[in-house]
Protein backbone atom coordinates (compact mmCIF):
# COMPACT_ATOMS: atom_id res chain seq x y z
CA MET A 1 -4.17 17.15 25.81
CA ASP A 2 -1.30 15.32 27.20
CA GLY A 3 2.09 15.09 25.58
CA LYS A 4 1.05 11.27 23.77
CA GLN A 5 -2.12 12.98 22.40
CA PHE A 6 -0.08 16.13 21.13
CA LEU A 7 2.67 14.25 19.31
CA LEU A 8 0.24 11.70 17.80
CA MET A 9 -1.82 14.61 16.47
CA TRP A 10 1.34 16.36 15.02
CA SER A 11 2.52 12.53 13.70
CA TYR A 12 -1.02 12.13 12.04
CA ARG A 13 -0.90 16.49 10.54
CA ILE A 14 2.69 16.05 9.03
CA GLN A 15 2.06 12.37 7.38
CA ALA A 16 -1.50 13.92 5.70
CA VAL A 17 0.77 17.03 4.54
CA THR A 18 3.77 14.41 2.96
CA SER A 19 0.92 12.35 0.92
CA ILE A 20 -0.72 15.91 0.02
CA VAL A 21 3.31 16.95 -1.19
CA LEU A 22 3.89 13.83 -2.80
CA GLN A 23 0.14 13.97 -4.99
CA PHE A 24 0.62 17.65 -6.09
CA ALA A 25 4.39 16.28 -7.38
CA ILE A 26 3.23 13.10 -9.27
CA ALA A 27 0.66 16.15 -10.35
CA ILE A 28 3.34 18.64 -11.58
CA LEU A 29 5.01 16.30 -13.12
CA VAL A 30 2.14 14.71 -15.08
CA VAL A 31 1.32 18.82 -16.42
CA ILE A 32 5.48 18.73 -17.59
CA LEU A 33 5.24 15.62 -19.57
CA LEU A 34 2.75 16.48 -21.13
CA LEU A 35 4.36 20.32 -22.23
CA LYS A 36 7.59 18.10 -23.75
CA GLY A 37 4.59 15.75 -25.40
CA ILE A 38 5.54 12.35 -23.44
CA TRP A 39 2.20 11.39 -23.88
CA LEU A 40 2.00 7.78 -22.95
CA SER A 41 4.26 8.78 -19.61
CA ALA A 42 1.59 11.57 -19.07
CA PHE A 43 -1.04 8.88 -19.28
CA ALA A 44 0.47 6.60 -17.16
CA GLY A 45 1.66 8.96 -14.46
CA ALA A 46 -2.59 10.22 -14.85
CA MET A 47 -3.05 6.76 -13.97
CA ILE A 48 -0.13 6.82 -10.72
CA PHE A 49 -2.33 9.64 -9.66
CA ALA A 50 -5.40 8.61 -9.62
CA LEU A 51 -4.07 5.86 -7.51
CA THR A 52 -3.01 7.86 -4.86
CA PHE A 53 -6.94 8.04 -3.90
CA VAL A 54 -7.62 4.30 -3.50
CA PRO A 55 -7.20 4.87 0.34
CA ALA A 56 -9.57 8.13 0.28
CA PHE A 57 -12.28 6.17 -1.81
CA PHE A 58 -12.76 2.89 0.15
CA GLU A 59 -12.81 5.29 2.82
CA ARG A 60 -15.66 6.69 1.35
CA GLN A 61 -17.47 4.04 -0.09
CA LEU A 62 -16.62 1.76 2.79
CA SER A 63 -17.30 4.67 5.37
CA VAL A 64 -14.80 3.88 7.41
CA HIS A 65 -11.08 5.27 8.99
CA LEU A 66 -7.82 4.00 8.08
CA PRO A 67 -5.01 4.87 9.84
CA ILE A 68 -3.10 7.62 7.91
CA GLU A 69 0.36 5.20 7.46
CA PHE A 70 -1.68 3.41 4.78
CA THR A 71 -2.69 6.58 2.65
CA LEU A 72 1.33 7.76 3.40
CA LEU A 73 2.83 4.48 2.15
CA THR A 74 0.50 4.05 -0.85
CA THR A 75 1.05 7.62 -1.93
CA ILE A 76 5.34 7.09 -1.42
CA PHE A 77 4.99 3.61 -3.18
CA LEU A 78 3.57 5.55 -6.24
CA TYR A 79 5.91 8.20 -6.24
CA ALA A 80 8.74 6.27 -6.19
CA SER A 81 7.38 3.93 -8.61
CA PHE A 82 6.51 6.26 -11.10
CA ALA A 83 8.34 9.53 -10.55
CA LEU A 84 11.76 8.19 -8.97
CA GLY A 85 11.47 4.49 -10.66
CA GLU A 86 10.23 5.02 -14.65
CA VAL A 87 11.02 8.95 -15.14
CA ARG A 88 14.22 9.22 -13.14
CA ASP A 89 15.12 5.59 -13.70
CA PHE A 90 16.05 4.71 -10.39
CA TYR A 91 14.90 1.13 -11.49
CA THR A 92 18.01 0.49 -13.35
CA ARG A 93 20.65 2.70 -11.26
CA PHE A 94 19.81 0.99 -8.36
CA TRP A 95 19.27 -2.78 -8.77
CA TRP A 96 17.38 -2.92 -4.88
CA TRP A 97 15.09 -0.26 -5.87
CA ASP A 98 12.18 -2.63 -7.42
CA LEU A 99 12.82 -4.91 -4.60
CA MET A 100 12.19 -2.01 -1.71
CA LEU A 101 9.12 -1.24 -3.23
CA HIS A 102 7.16 -4.41 -3.54
CA SER A 103 8.64 -5.68 -0.03
CA LEU A 104 6.97 -2.31 1.60
CA SER A 105 4.10 -2.61 -0.57
CA SER A 106 3.46 -6.21 0.15
CA LEU A 107 3.50 -5.70 3.97
CA THR A 108 1.38 -2.80 3.85
CA ILE A 109 -0.84 -4.56 1.78
CA GLY A 110 -0.75 -7.45 4.50
CA ILE A 111 -1.44 -5.18 7.40
CA MET A 112 -4.56 -3.62 5.47
CA GLY A 113 -5.62 -7.16 4.64
CA PHE A 114 -5.24 -8.48 7.95
CA LEU A 115 -7.18 -5.29 9.33
CA ALA A 116 -10.87 -6.12 7.09
CA ILE A 117 -10.56 -9.90 7.91
CA TYR A 118 -10.11 -8.84 11.74
CA VAL A 119 -13.31 -6.53 11.58
CA PHE A 120 -15.27 -9.69 10.76
CA HIS A 121 -13.30 -11.41 13.33
CA MET A 122 -14.16 -8.99 16.00
CA THR A 123 -17.63 -8.66 15.34
CA HIS A 124 -18.23 -12.03 15.29
CA ARG A 125 -19.74 -11.51 11.98
CA VAL A 126 -17.24 -14.95 11.23
CA HIS A 127 -15.52 -17.19 13.38
CA MET A 128 -11.99 -18.12 13.00
CA ALA A 129 -9.07 -19.36 14.56
CA PRO A 130 -6.10 -17.14 13.87
CA ILE A 131 -4.30 -19.47 11.70
CA TYR A 132 -7.24 -19.02 9.35
CA ILE A 133 -7.17 -15.04 9.69
CA ALA A 134 -3.12 -15.39 8.89
CA SER A 135 -3.64 -17.96 6.03
CA MET A 136 -6.54 -15.56 4.33
CA THR A 137 -4.45 -12.81 4.98
CA PHE A 138 -1.50 -14.08 3.42
CA PHE A 139 -3.34 -15.53 0.32
CA LEU A 140 -4.96 -11.96 -0.35
CA THR A 141 -1.32 -9.94 -0.33
CA VAL A 142 -0.07 -11.92 -2.59
CA THR A 143 -2.75 -11.41 -4.80
CA MET A 144 -3.06 -7.98 -4.44
CA GLY A 145 0.78 -8.80 -6.11
CA THR A 146 -0.30 -10.69 -8.93
CA LEU A 147 -2.81 -7.83 -9.79
CA TRP A 148 -0.27 -5.10 -9.79
CA GLU A 149 2.36 -7.47 -12.01
CA LEU A 150 -0.70 -7.93 -14.34
CA LEU A 151 -1.02 -3.88 -14.52
CA GLU A 152 2.83 -3.24 -14.53
CA PHE A 153 2.17 -6.00 -17.54
CA SER A 154 -0.37 -4.37 -19.49
CA LEU A 155 0.93 -0.69 -19.27
CA ASP A 156 4.30 -2.42 -20.68
CA TRP A 157 3.16 -3.76 -23.30
CA SER A 158 0.27 -1.59 -24.47
CA LEU A 159 2.16 1.83 -23.28
CA GLN A 160 5.60 1.06 -24.42
CA LEU A 161 6.85 1.53 -20.72
CA THR A 162 9.44 -0.64 -19.72
CA MET A 163 7.82 -1.40 -15.49
CA GLN A 164 9.18 -4.75 -15.90
CA LYS A 165 12.46 -4.38 -16.39
CA SER A 166 13.99 -7.88 -17.43
CA GLY A 167 10.62 -9.38 -18.02
CA LEU A 168 9.72 -12.82 -16.71
CA ILE A 169 12.98 -12.56 -14.41
CA ASP A 170 11.61 -9.30 -12.56
CA THR A 171 8.15 -10.44 -12.33
CA MET A 172 9.15 -13.70 -10.73
CA THR A 173 11.58 -11.72 -8.39
CA ASP A 174 9.08 -9.01 -7.04
CA LEU A 175 6.26 -12.25 -6.49
CA MET A 176 8.55 -13.70 -4.38
CA VAL A 177 9.41 -10.85 -2.56
CA ASP A 178 5.65 -10.19 -2.36
CA VAL A 179 5.11 -13.61 -0.71
CA MET A 180 8.13 -12.58 2.09
CA GLY A 181 6.18 -9.40 2.72
CA ALA A 182 2.24 -11.31 2.64
CA PHE A 183 4.18 -14.05 5.30
CA ILE A 184 5.69 -11.18 7.57
CA ALA A 185 1.94 -9.71 7.90
CA ALA A 186 0.23 -13.06 8.48
CA VAL A 187 2.55 -13.90 10.64
CA LEU A 188 2.38 -10.45 12.35
CA GLY A 189 -1.52 -10.73 12.25
CA TYR A 190 -1.19 -14.22 14.25
CA LEU A 191 0.54 -12.90 16.30
CA TYR A 192 -1.92 -9.92 17.45
CA VAL A 193 -4.98 -12.80 17.77
CA LYS A 194 -3.02 -14.92 19.67
CA ASN A 195 -1.42 -13.25 22.13
CA GLY A 196 -3.46 -9.47 21.28
CA ASP A 197 -0.08 -8.00 21.09
CA SER A 198 2.43 -6.56 17.93
CA LEU A 199 4.67 -4.06 17.87
CA ILE A 200 3.67 -3.09 14.72
CA VAL A 201 -0.22 -3.91 14.14
CA ASP A 202 -1.05 -3.08 17.60
CA ARG A 203 -0.85 0.63 17.44
CA LEU A 204 -2.43 0.43 14.05
CA VAL A 205 -5.27 -2.17 15.23
CA ASN A 206 -6.40 0.17 18.39
CA TYR A 207 -6.30 2.71 16.12
CA PHE A 208 -8.65 1.21 13.27
CA VAL A 209 -10.95 0.14 16.34
CA ALA A 210 -11.52 3.56 18.09
CA LYS A 211 -11.90 5.41 15.01
CA ASN A 212 -14.74 3.03 13.51
CA PRO A 213 -16.71 2.35 16.77
CA LYS A 214 -19.94 1.69 14.42
CA LEU A 215 -18.21 -1.53 13.12
CA PHE A 216 -17.64 -2.96 16.34
CA ASN A 217 -20.60 -2.50 17.83
């Protein structure tokens, strides 16, 4: 094992352990909320905890291996959104907290969407020009951001939470940030398909192809 492989192995382990620790922290927080009788927040926390397993669910259902970065970023986003943003009131204490989270999530979802589309392109199941791959990545990311806003509204309306702090203004600001993140992800995907190189996407694509050879046979 050379030095590069050794570093990649430890990087994977550190990210995997970090994800597990954050999941455990969310679970402990849910238990604490239950013991305090804060039922609605505990229920919302249980839903957030369940969402941390979404990457693993897709891996099992689709029989693919996703880069560990996606699992880590998903867990970080959910922990920062609920445990820090909602319970510790970071949304109110730091005006930029919500915008930062949406920027992170939209870029991550955009790159995940690009990888999904890239599989069909590379396996010749569909033939698309780079601009169409970028467009699909963009619209898929914006759609996912919109679905998250609907989830926030549903939780606020049904459980009396305050995830949408300022109502319409918060929603529209989040969507604008989602659009910017989607655009960046689309541009990165376009550059990779067009030129075969992109600082962020290149390593993720190489990992995805190497770990899922059956998809590219």
